Amino acid sequence: MSVTVRRAEPQDAVTIAKLALKLFAQHREYDPERFADLGNVAGAERYYGGRTTAEEAIVLVAETAGEIIGFVYAEFEEINYAELLESAVWVHDLFVLESTRGTGAGKALIDATAEAARRTGADKLVLTVAAKNEFGRSFFKGRGFRETMIEMTLGLNG
């Protein structure tokens, strides 16, 4: 199965939104108290569609046989005081359809994101991964990422 990666276009937004909803659901399964239920295709379509043309955003799709099987959404952060970041690309979302995992799509998306990040002048990729997402944590460590922060959450509703 040959995988290609290309920059997403506004017309890809509905497909990306549907993939994003799968990613959202995955996170809700990990921890419904932490992760909000944003399961709205129209809202996700507007959001990701808008990011496809934003200058600071990197939105890429992985395809096989003309079908989108995964996506990545990242943004260049020249300076981010809250995260103590400088000259970084923050990878917000990466998702590959479960049925196509192992095809190299995730690796191709990370490699293409790193290349796009270099073109922005960034010197690092940064991301978070759900604590219970063992597959994702292993995948990112296998690509050379290292742990630098641990997010903690305190529920305030009882």
N, C-alpha and C. Protein backbone atom coordinates (compact mmCIF):
# COMPACT_ATOMS: atom_id res chain seq x y z
N MET A 1 0.85 -1.18 0.00
CA MET A 1 0.00 0.00 0.00
C MET A 1 0.90 1.24 0.00
N SER A 2 0.86 1.99 -1.07
CA SER A 2 1.65 3.20 -1.20
C SER A 2 0.94 4.38 -0.54
N VAL A 3 1.67 5.12 0.29
CA VAL A 3 1.11 6.27 0.99
C VAL A 3 1.81 7.52 0.50
N THR A 4 1.01 8.54 0.19
CA THR A 4 1.55 9.85 -0.16
C THR A 4 1.00 10.88 0.82
N VAL A 5 1.79 11.92 1.04
CA VAL A 5 1.38 13.01 1.93
C VAL A 5 1.38 14.29 1.12
N ARG A 6 0.35 15.08 1.33
CA ARG A 6 0.27 16.38 0.65
C ARG A 6 -0.35 17.40 1.60
N ARG A 7 -0.16 18.65 1.26
CA ARG A 7 -0.78 19.73 2.03
C ARG A 7 -2.30 19.65 1.84
N ALA A 8 -3.03 19.78 2.93
CA ALA A 8 -4.49 19.74 2.85
C ALA A 8 -5.00 21.01 2.18
N GLU A 9 -6.13 20.86 1.52
CA GLU A 9 -6.81 21.99 0.86
C GLU A 9 -8.16 22.18 1.52
N PRO A 10 -8.76 23.36 1.39
CA PRO A 10 -10.05 23.60 2.05
C PRO A 10 -11.11 22.53 1.75
N GLN A 11 -11.10 21.98 0.53
CA GLN A 11 -12.11 20.96 0.19
C GLN A 11 -11.88 19.63 0.92
N ASP A 12 -10.74 19.48 1.60
CA ASP A 12 -10.47 18.28 2.41
C ASP A 12 -11.08 18.38 3.81
N ALA A 13 -11.62 19.54 4.14
CA ALA A 13 -12.03 19.83 5.52
C ALA A 13 -13.06 18.84 6.07
N VAL A 14 -14.03 18.43 5.28
CA VAL A 14 -15.06 17.52 5.80
C VAL A 14 -14.46 16.15 6.11
N THR A 15 -13.54 15.68 5.27
CA THR A 15 -12.89 14.39 5.53
C THR A 15 -12.00 14.48 6.76
N ILE A 16 -11.24 15.58 6.87
CA ILE A 16 -10.41 15.78 8.05
C ILE A 16 -11.29 15.86 9.29
N ALA A 17 -12.41 16.56 9.20
CA ALA A 17 -13.32 16.68 10.35
C ALA A 17 -13.81 15.31 10.80
N LYS A 18 -14.14 14.44 9.87
CA LYS A 18 -14.60 13.10 10.24
C LYS A 18 -13.50 12.30 10.92
N LEU A 19 -12.27 12.44 10.45
CA LEU A 19 -11.14 11.78 11.10
C LEU A 19 -10.91 12.39 12.49
N ALA A 20 -11.02 13.71 12.58
CA ALA A 20 -10.82 14.38 13.86
C ALA A 20 -11.85 13.91 14.89
N LEU A 21 -13.08 13.68 14.46
CA LEU A 21 -14.10 13.18 15.38
C LEU A 21 -13.74 11.80 15.92
N LYS A 22 -13.09 10.98 15.11
CA LYS A 22 -12.60 9.69 15.59
C LYS A 22 -11.50 9.89 16.64
N LEU A 23 -10.64 10.87 16.40
CA LEU A 23 -9.59 11.20 17.36
C LEU A 23 -10.20 11.73 18.66
N PHE A 24 -11.21 12.59 18.54
CA PHE A 24 -11.88 13.13 19.73
C PHE A 24 -12.51 12.00 20.54
N ALA A 25 -13.19 11.07 19.86
CA ALA A 25 -13.84 9.95 20.54
C ALA A 25 -12.81 9.07 21.24
N GLN A 26 -11.68 8.87 20.60
CA GLN A 26 -10.60 8.09 21.21
C GLN A 26 -10.17 8.73 22.52
N HIS A 27 -10.01 10.04 22.52
CA HIS A 27 -9.61 10.74 23.74
C HIS A 27 -10.69 10.67 24.81
N ARG A 28 -11.94 10.81 24.40
CA ARG A 28 -13.04 10.70 25.38
C ARG A 28 -13.06 9.32 26.03
N GLU A 29 -12.73 8.29 25.27
CA GLU A 29 -12.67 6.95 25.85
C GLU A 29 -11.55 6.86 26.90
N TYR A 30 -10.45 7.55 26.66
CA TYR A 30 -9.35 7.55 27.63
C TYR A 30 -9.76 8.21 28.94
N ASP A 31 -10.43 9.38 28.83
CA ASP A 31 -10.73 10.14 30.04
C ASP A 31 -11.85 11.15 29.76
N PRO A 32 -13.11 10.75 29.95
CA PRO A 32 -14.22 11.64 29.63
C PRO A 32 -14.31 12.88 30.52
N GLU A 33 -13.66 12.86 31.68
CA GLU A 33 -13.64 14.06 32.53
C GLU A 33 -12.69 15.11 31.98
N ARG A 34 -11.63 14.69 31.32
CA ARG A 34 -10.63 15.61 30.81
C ARG A 34 -10.98 16.12 29.40
N PHE A 35 -11.45 15.22 28.55
CA PHE A 35 -11.62 15.57 27.15
C PHE A 35 -13.08 15.87 26.83
N ALA A 36 -13.32 17.06 26.29
CA ALA A 36 -14.67 17.52 25.97
C ALA A 36 -15.24 16.75 24.78
N ASP A 37 -16.56 16.68 24.76
CA ASP A 37 -17.25 16.04 23.64
C ASP A 37 -17.51 17.09 22.56
N LEU A 38 -16.60 17.18 21.61
CA LEU A 38 -16.72 18.15 20.53
C LEU A 38 -17.14 17.46 19.24
N GLY A 39 -17.97 16.43 19.36
CA GLY A 39 -18.37 15.60 18.24
C GLY A 39 -19.34 16.26 17.29
N ASN A 40 -18.89 17.27 16.60
CA ASN A 40 -19.72 18.04 15.69
C ASN A 40 -18.97 18.20 14.37
N VAL A 41 -19.41 17.50 13.34
CA VAL A 41 -18.71 17.54 12.06
C VAL A 41 -18.66 18.97 11.50
N ALA A 42 -19.77 19.69 11.57
CA ALA A 42 -19.79 21.05 11.00
C ALA A 42 -18.79 21.95 11.69
N GLY A 43 -18.72 21.88 13.01
CA GLY A 43 -17.76 22.71 13.75
C GLY A 43 -16.33 22.33 13.43
N ALA A 44 -16.05 21.03 13.40
CA ALA A 44 -14.70 20.58 13.07
C ALA A 44 -14.34 20.93 11.63
N GLU A 45 -15.31 20.83 10.73
CA GLU A 45 -15.06 21.19 9.33
C GLU A 45 -14.68 22.67 9.22
N ARG A 46 -15.41 23.54 9.90
CA ARG A 46 -15.08 24.97 9.89
C ARG A 46 -13.68 25.21 10.45
N TYR A 47 -13.40 24.56 11.58
CA TYR A 47 -12.11 24.78 12.24
C TYR A 47 -10.95 24.33 11.35
N TYR A 48 -10.95 23.06 10.96
CA TYR A 48 -9.82 22.54 10.18
C TYR A 48 -9.77 23.15 8.78
N GLY A 49 -10.92 23.43 8.20
CA GLY A 49 -10.95 24.09 6.89
C GLY A 49 -10.27 25.45 6.95
N GLY A 50 -10.52 26.18 8.02
CA GLY A 50 -9.88 27.48 8.20
C GLY A 50 -8.38 27.37 8.42
N ARG A 51 -7.96 26.31 9.07
CA ARG A 51 -6.53 26.12 9.34
C ARG A 51 -5.77 25.77 8.06
N THR A 52 -6.44 25.19 7.06
CA THR A 52 -5.73 24.78 5.83
C THR A 52 -5.14 25.97 5.10
N THR A 53 -5.69 27.17 5.31
CA THR A 53 -5.19 28.35 4.61
C THR A 53 -4.47 29.33 5.54
N ALA A 54 -4.38 29.00 6.82
CA ALA A 54 -3.70 29.89 7.77
C ALA A 54 -2.20 29.81 7.58
N GLU A 55 -1.57 30.97 7.54
CA GLU A 55 -0.13 31.04 7.25
C GLU A 55 0.72 30.25 8.24
N GLU A 56 0.37 30.28 9.52
CA GLU A 56 1.18 29.63 10.56
C GLU A 56 0.85 28.15 10.73
N ALA A 57 -0.18 27.68 10.06
CA ALA A 57 -0.64 26.29 10.24
C ALA A 57 -0.03 25.34 9.21
N ILE A 58 0.13 24.11 9.65
CA ILE A 58 0.55 23.01 8.78
C ILE A 58 -0.54 21.96 8.89
N VAL A 59 -1.30 21.77 7.83
CA VAL A 59 -2.32 20.73 7.80
C VAL A 59 -2.00 19.84 6.60
N LEU A 60 -1.71 18.59 6.89
CA LEU A 60 -1.32 17.63 5.87
C LEU A 60 -2.25 16.43 5.91
N VAL A 61 -2.42 15.79 4.78
CA VAL A 61 -3.19 14.55 4.72
C VAL A 61 -2.33 13.45 4.12
N ALA A 62 -2.58 12.23 4.61
CA ALA A 62 -1.96 11.03 4.04
C ALA A 62 -3.02 10.35 3.20
N GLU A 63 -2.63 9.92 2.01
CA GLU A 63 -3.56 9.27 1.08
C GLU A 63 -2.99 7.95 0.60
N THR A 64 -3.90 7.06 0.30
CA THR A 64 -3.56 5.85 -0.42
C THR A 64 -4.69 5.59 -1.41
N ALA A 65 -4.33 5.31 -2.62
CA ALA A 65 -5.30 5.09 -3.70
C ALA A 65 -6.31 6.23 -3.78
N GLY A 66 -5.84 7.46 -3.56
CA GLY A 66 -6.71 8.64 -3.66
C GLY A 66 -7.63 8.87 -2.49
N GLU A 67 -7.53 8.03 -1.45
CA GLU A 67 -8.40 8.16 -0.28
C GLU A 67 -7.58 8.67 0.90
N ILE A 68 -8.11 9.70 1.58
CA ILE A 68 -7.44 10.24 2.76
C ILE A 68 -7.61 9.24 3.91
N ILE A 69 -6.46 8.83 4.48
CA ILE A 69 -6.47 7.85 5.57
C ILE A 69 -5.93 8.43 6.88
N GLY A 70 -5.44 9.65 6.83
CA GLY A 70 -4.91 10.27 8.04
C GLY A 70 -4.62 11.74 7.82
N PHE A 71 -4.39 12.44 8.93
CA PHE A 71 -4.06 13.86 8.83
C PHE A 71 -3.21 14.28 10.01
N VAL A 72 -2.56 15.40 9.84
CA VAL A 72 -1.83 16.06 10.92
C VAL A 72 -2.18 17.54 10.87
N TYR A 73 -2.32 18.13 12.05
CA TYR A 73 -2.54 19.57 12.18
C TYR A 73 -1.51 20.09 13.18
N ALA A 74 -0.72 21.06 12.74
CA ALA A 74 0.33 21.64 13.57
C ALA A 74 0.40 23.14 13.32
N GLU A 75 1.01 23.87 14.24
CA GLU A 75 1.16 25.32 14.08
C GLU A 75 2.53 25.77 14.54
N PHE A 76 3.09 26.73 13.80
CA PHE A 76 4.36 27.34 14.16
C PHE A 76 4.15 28.28 15.34
N GLU A 77 5.02 28.18 16.32
CA GLU A 77 5.01 29.04 17.50
C GLU A 77 6.35 29.76 17.56
N GLU A 78 6.38 31.02 17.14
CA GLU A 78 7.63 31.77 17.22
C GLU A 78 8.04 31.92 18.68
N ILE A 79 7.08 32.38 19.50
CA ILE A 79 7.28 32.47 20.95
C ILE A 79 5.95 32.13 21.60
N ASN A 80 6.01 31.23 22.58
CA ASN A 80 4.82 30.87 23.36
C ASN A 80 5.23 30.90 24.82
N TYR A 81 4.88 32.01 25.48
CA TYR A 81 5.28 32.18 26.88
C TYR A 81 4.64 31.14 27.79
N ALA A 82 3.39 30.80 27.55
CA ALA A 82 2.70 29.84 28.42
C ALA A 82 3.36 28.47 28.39
N GLU A 83 3.93 28.10 27.26
CA GLU A 83 4.56 26.78 27.12
C GLU A 83 6.08 26.85 27.17
N LEU A 84 6.64 28.06 27.39
CA LEU A 84 8.09 28.26 27.40
C LEU A 84 8.72 27.73 26.12
N LEU A 85 8.10 28.07 25.01
CA LEU A 85 8.56 27.61 23.70
C LEU A 85 9.05 28.76 22.86
N GLU A 86 10.01 28.44 22.05
CA GLU A 86 10.53 29.39 21.08
C GLU A 86 10.89 28.61 19.83
N SER A 87 10.49 29.12 18.69
CA SER A 87 10.84 28.53 17.40
C SER A 87 10.48 27.04 17.32
N ALA A 88 9.20 26.76 17.57
CA ALA A 88 8.73 25.37 17.59
C ALA A 88 7.49 25.23 16.72
N VAL A 89 7.26 24.02 16.27
CA VAL A 89 5.98 23.68 15.66
C VAL A 89 5.29 22.72 16.62
N TRP A 90 4.09 23.12 17.04
CA TRP A 90 3.28 22.34 17.97
C TRP A 90 2.37 21.44 17.14
N VAL A 91 2.54 20.15 17.30
CA VAL A 91 1.69 19.18 16.61
C VAL A 91 0.45 18.98 17.48
N HIS A 92 -0.67 19.54 17.06
CA HIS A 92 -1.91 19.47 17.83
C HIS A 92 -2.64 18.15 17.63
N ASP A 93 -2.69 17.68 16.39
CA ASP A 93 -3.44 16.46 16.07
C ASP A 93 -2.68 15.63 15.06
N LEU A 94 -2.69 14.33 15.28
CA LEU A 94 -2.21 13.37 14.30
C LEU A 94 -3.12 12.16 14.43
N PHE A 95 -3.70 11.77 13.32
CA PHE A 95 -4.60 10.61 13.35
C PHE A 95 -4.49 9.84 12.04
N VAL A 96 -4.43 8.52 12.17
CA VAL A 96 -4.45 7.62 11.02
C VAL A 96 -5.54 6.59 11.30
N LEU A 97 -6.36 6.30 10.30
CA LEU A 97 -7.40 5.29 10.46
C LEU A 97 -6.80 3.99 10.99
N GLU A 98 -7.46 3.42 11.97
CA GLU A 98 -6.94 2.21 12.60
C GLU A 98 -6.69 1.10 11.58
N SER A 99 -7.57 0.98 10.59
CA SER A 99 -7.44 -0.08 9.58
C SER A 99 -6.22 0.10 8.69
N THR A 100 -5.62 1.30 8.70
CA THR A 100 -4.46 1.55 7.84
C THR A 100 -3.18 1.80 8.63
N ARG A 101 -3.24 1.61 9.95
CA ARG A 101 -2.04 1.76 10.76
C ARG A 101 -1.07 0.64 10.40
N GLY A 102 0.20 0.97 10.43
CA GLY A 102 1.23 0.01 10.02
C GLY A 102 1.61 0.14 8.57
N THR A 103 0.98 1.05 7.84
CA THR A 103 1.29 1.25 6.42
C THR A 103 2.40 2.28 6.21
N GLY A 104 2.80 2.96 7.29
CA GLY A 104 3.80 4.02 7.16
C GLY A 104 3.17 5.40 7.07
N ALA A 105 1.84 5.49 7.14
CA ALA A 105 1.17 6.78 7.01
C ALA A 105 1.54 7.72 8.16
N GLY A 106 1.56 7.22 9.38
CA GLY A 106 1.91 8.07 10.52
C GLY A 106 3.33 8.58 10.42
N LYS A 107 4.26 7.70 10.08
CA LYS A 107 5.66 8.10 9.91
C LYS A 107 5.78 9.14 8.79
N ALA A 108 5.09 8.91 7.69
CA ALA A 108 5.14 9.85 6.57
C ALA A 108 4.59 11.21 6.98
N LEU A 109 3.51 11.22 7.77
CA LEU A 109 2.94 12.48 8.24
C LEU A 109 3.92 13.22 9.16
N ILE A 110 4.57 12.50 10.08
CA ILE A 110 5.54 13.14 10.98
C ILE A 110 6.74 13.65 10.19
N ASP A 111 7.24 12.86 9.26
CA ASP A 111 8.38 13.29 8.44
C ASP A 111 8.04 14.54 7.64
N ALA A 112 6.85 14.57 7.04
CA ALA A 112 6.44 15.73 6.25
C ALA A 112 6.21 16.95 7.14
N THR A 113 5.70 16.72 8.34
CA THR A 113 5.52 17.83 9.28
C THR A 113 6.87 18.40 9.70
N ALA A 114 7.82 17.53 9.97
CA ALA A 114 9.17 17.99 10.34
C ALA A 114 9.79 18.80 9.21
N GLU A 115 9.62 18.34 7.99
CA GLU A 115 10.16 19.10 6.84
C GLU A 115 9.48 20.45 6.71
N ALA A 116 8.15 20.49 6.83
CA ALA A 116 7.43 21.76 6.77
C ALA A 116 7.84 22.67 7.92
N ALA A 117 8.07 22.09 9.10
CA ALA A 117 8.50 22.88 10.26
C ALA A 117 9.86 23.52 10.00
N ARG A 118 10.78 22.76 9.42
CA ARG A 118 12.10 23.32 9.10
C ARG A 118 11.96 24.53 8.18
N ARG A 119 11.05 24.43 7.21
CA ARG A 119 10.85 25.55 6.28
C ARG A 119 10.30 26.79 6.98
N THR A 120 9.61 26.63 8.11
CA THR A 120 9.11 27.79 8.86
C THR A 120 10.21 28.42 9.69
N GLY A 121 11.33 27.71 9.85
CA GLY A 121 12.40 28.18 10.71
C GLY A 121 12.37 27.55 12.09
N ALA A 122 11.44 26.65 12.33
CA ALA A 122 11.35 25.98 13.63
C ALA A 122 12.54 25.05 13.82
N ASP A 123 12.92 24.86 15.08
CA ASP A 123 14.01 23.94 15.37
C ASP A 123 13.56 22.73 16.19
N LYS A 124 12.23 22.60 16.39
CA LYS A 124 11.72 21.44 17.12
C LYS A 124 10.24 21.24 16.84
N LEU A 125 9.81 19.99 16.98
CA LEU A 125 8.39 19.64 17.02
C LEU A 125 8.05 19.32 18.47
N VAL A 126 6.87 19.77 18.91
CA VAL A 126 6.40 19.51 20.26
C VAL A 126 4.98 18.99 20.15
N LEU A 127 4.62 18.04 21.02
CA LEU A 127 3.25 17.53 21.02
C LEU A 127 2.92 16.98 22.40
N THR A 128 1.64 16.75 22.61
CA THR A 128 1.19 16.02 23.78
C THR A 128 0.51 14.75 23.29
N VAL A 129 0.51 13.75 24.14
CA VAL A 129 -0.15 12.49 23.82
C VAL A 129 -0.87 12.04 25.09
N ALA A 130 -2.07 11.53 24.92
CA ALA A 130 -2.86 11.09 26.07
C ALA A 130 -2.08 10.05 26.86
N ALA A 131 -2.10 10.18 28.18
CA ALA A 131 -1.36 9.27 29.05
C ALA A 131 -1.74 7.81 28.81
N LYS A 132 -3.01 7.55 28.51
CA LYS A 132 -3.47 6.18 28.29
C LYS A 132 -3.28 5.68 26.86
N ASN A 133 -2.76 6.52 26.00
CA ASN A 133 -2.56 6.16 24.60
C ASN A 133 -1.18 5.50 24.43
N GLU A 134 -1.11 4.25 24.84
CA GLU A 134 0.17 3.52 24.78
C GLU A 134 0.68 3.39 23.34
N PHE A 135 -0.24 3.14 22.40
CA PHE A 135 0.18 3.03 20.99
C PHE A 135 0.82 4.33 20.53
N GLY A 136 0.14 5.46 20.79
CA GLY A 136 0.66 6.76 20.38
C GLY A 136 1.99 7.09 21.04
N ARG A 137 2.09 6.83 22.33
CA ARG A 137 3.33 7.12 23.06
C ARG A 137 4.49 6.31 22.47
N SER A 138 4.23 5.05 22.20
CA SER A 138 5.26 4.20 21.61
C SER A 138 5.62 4.68 20.20
N PHE A 139 4.60 5.04 19.42
CA PHE A 139 4.84 5.54 18.07
C PHE A 139 5.74 6.77 18.09
N PHE A 140 5.40 7.75 18.94
CA PHE A 140 6.18 8.99 18.97
C PHE A 140 7.60 8.75 19.50
N LYS A 141 7.74 7.93 20.52
CA LYS A 141 9.08 7.61 21.02
C LYS A 141 9.90 6.93 19.93
N GLY A 142 9.26 6.08 19.15
CA GLY A 142 9.94 5.42 18.03
C GLY A 142 10.37 6.38 16.94
N ARG A 143 9.76 7.55 16.88
CA ARG A 143 10.13 8.58 15.90
C ARG A 143 11.16 9.55 16.50
N GLY A 144 11.61 9.31 17.74
CA GLY A 144 12.64 10.17 18.34
C GLY A 144 12.13 11.21 19.32
N PHE A 145 10.82 11.28 19.54
CA PHE A 145 10.30 12.23 20.53
C PHE A 145 10.68 11.74 21.92
N ARG A 146 10.85 12.68 22.85
CA ARG A 146 11.12 12.34 24.24
C ARG A 146 10.15 13.09 25.15
N GLU A 147 9.87 12.52 26.29
CA GLU A 147 8.95 13.15 27.23
C GLU A 147 9.62 14.34 27.89
N THR A 148 8.87 15.45 27.96
CA THR A 148 9.39 16.66 28.60
C THR A 148 8.44 17.24 29.63
N MET A 149 7.15 16.96 29.51
CA MET A 149 6.15 17.49 30.44
C MET A 149 5.12 16.40 30.73
N ILE A 150 4.48 16.49 31.88
CA ILE A 150 3.38 15.62 32.24
C ILE A 150 2.19 16.53 32.57
N GLU A 151 1.10 16.42 31.81
CA GLU A 151 -0.10 17.21 32.09
C GLU A 151 -0.84 16.55 33.24
N MET A 152 -1.40 17.36 34.13
CA MET A 152 -2.20 16.85 35.23
C MET A 152 -3.51 17.63 35.26
N THR A 153 -4.59 16.96 35.62
CA THR A 153 -5.92 17.57 35.64
C THR A 153 -6.57 17.33 37.00
N LEU A 154 -7.25 18.35 37.51
CA LEU A 154 -8.03 18.26 38.74
C LEU A 154 -9.45 18.65 38.41
N GLY A 155 -10.38 17.71 38.54
CA GLY A 155 -11.79 18.02 38.30
C GLY A 155 -12.33 18.90 39.43
N LEU A 156 -13.17 19.84 39.10
CA LEU A 156 -13.71 20.79 40.09
C LEU A 156 -15.19 20.61 40.32
N ASN A 157 -15.77 19.54 39.81
CA ASN A 157 -17.22 19.33 39.93
C ASN A 157 -17.58 18.28 40.99
N GLY A 158 -16.81 18.18 42.03
CA GLY A 158 -17.17 17.24 43.10
C GLY A 158 -16.12 16.31 43.42
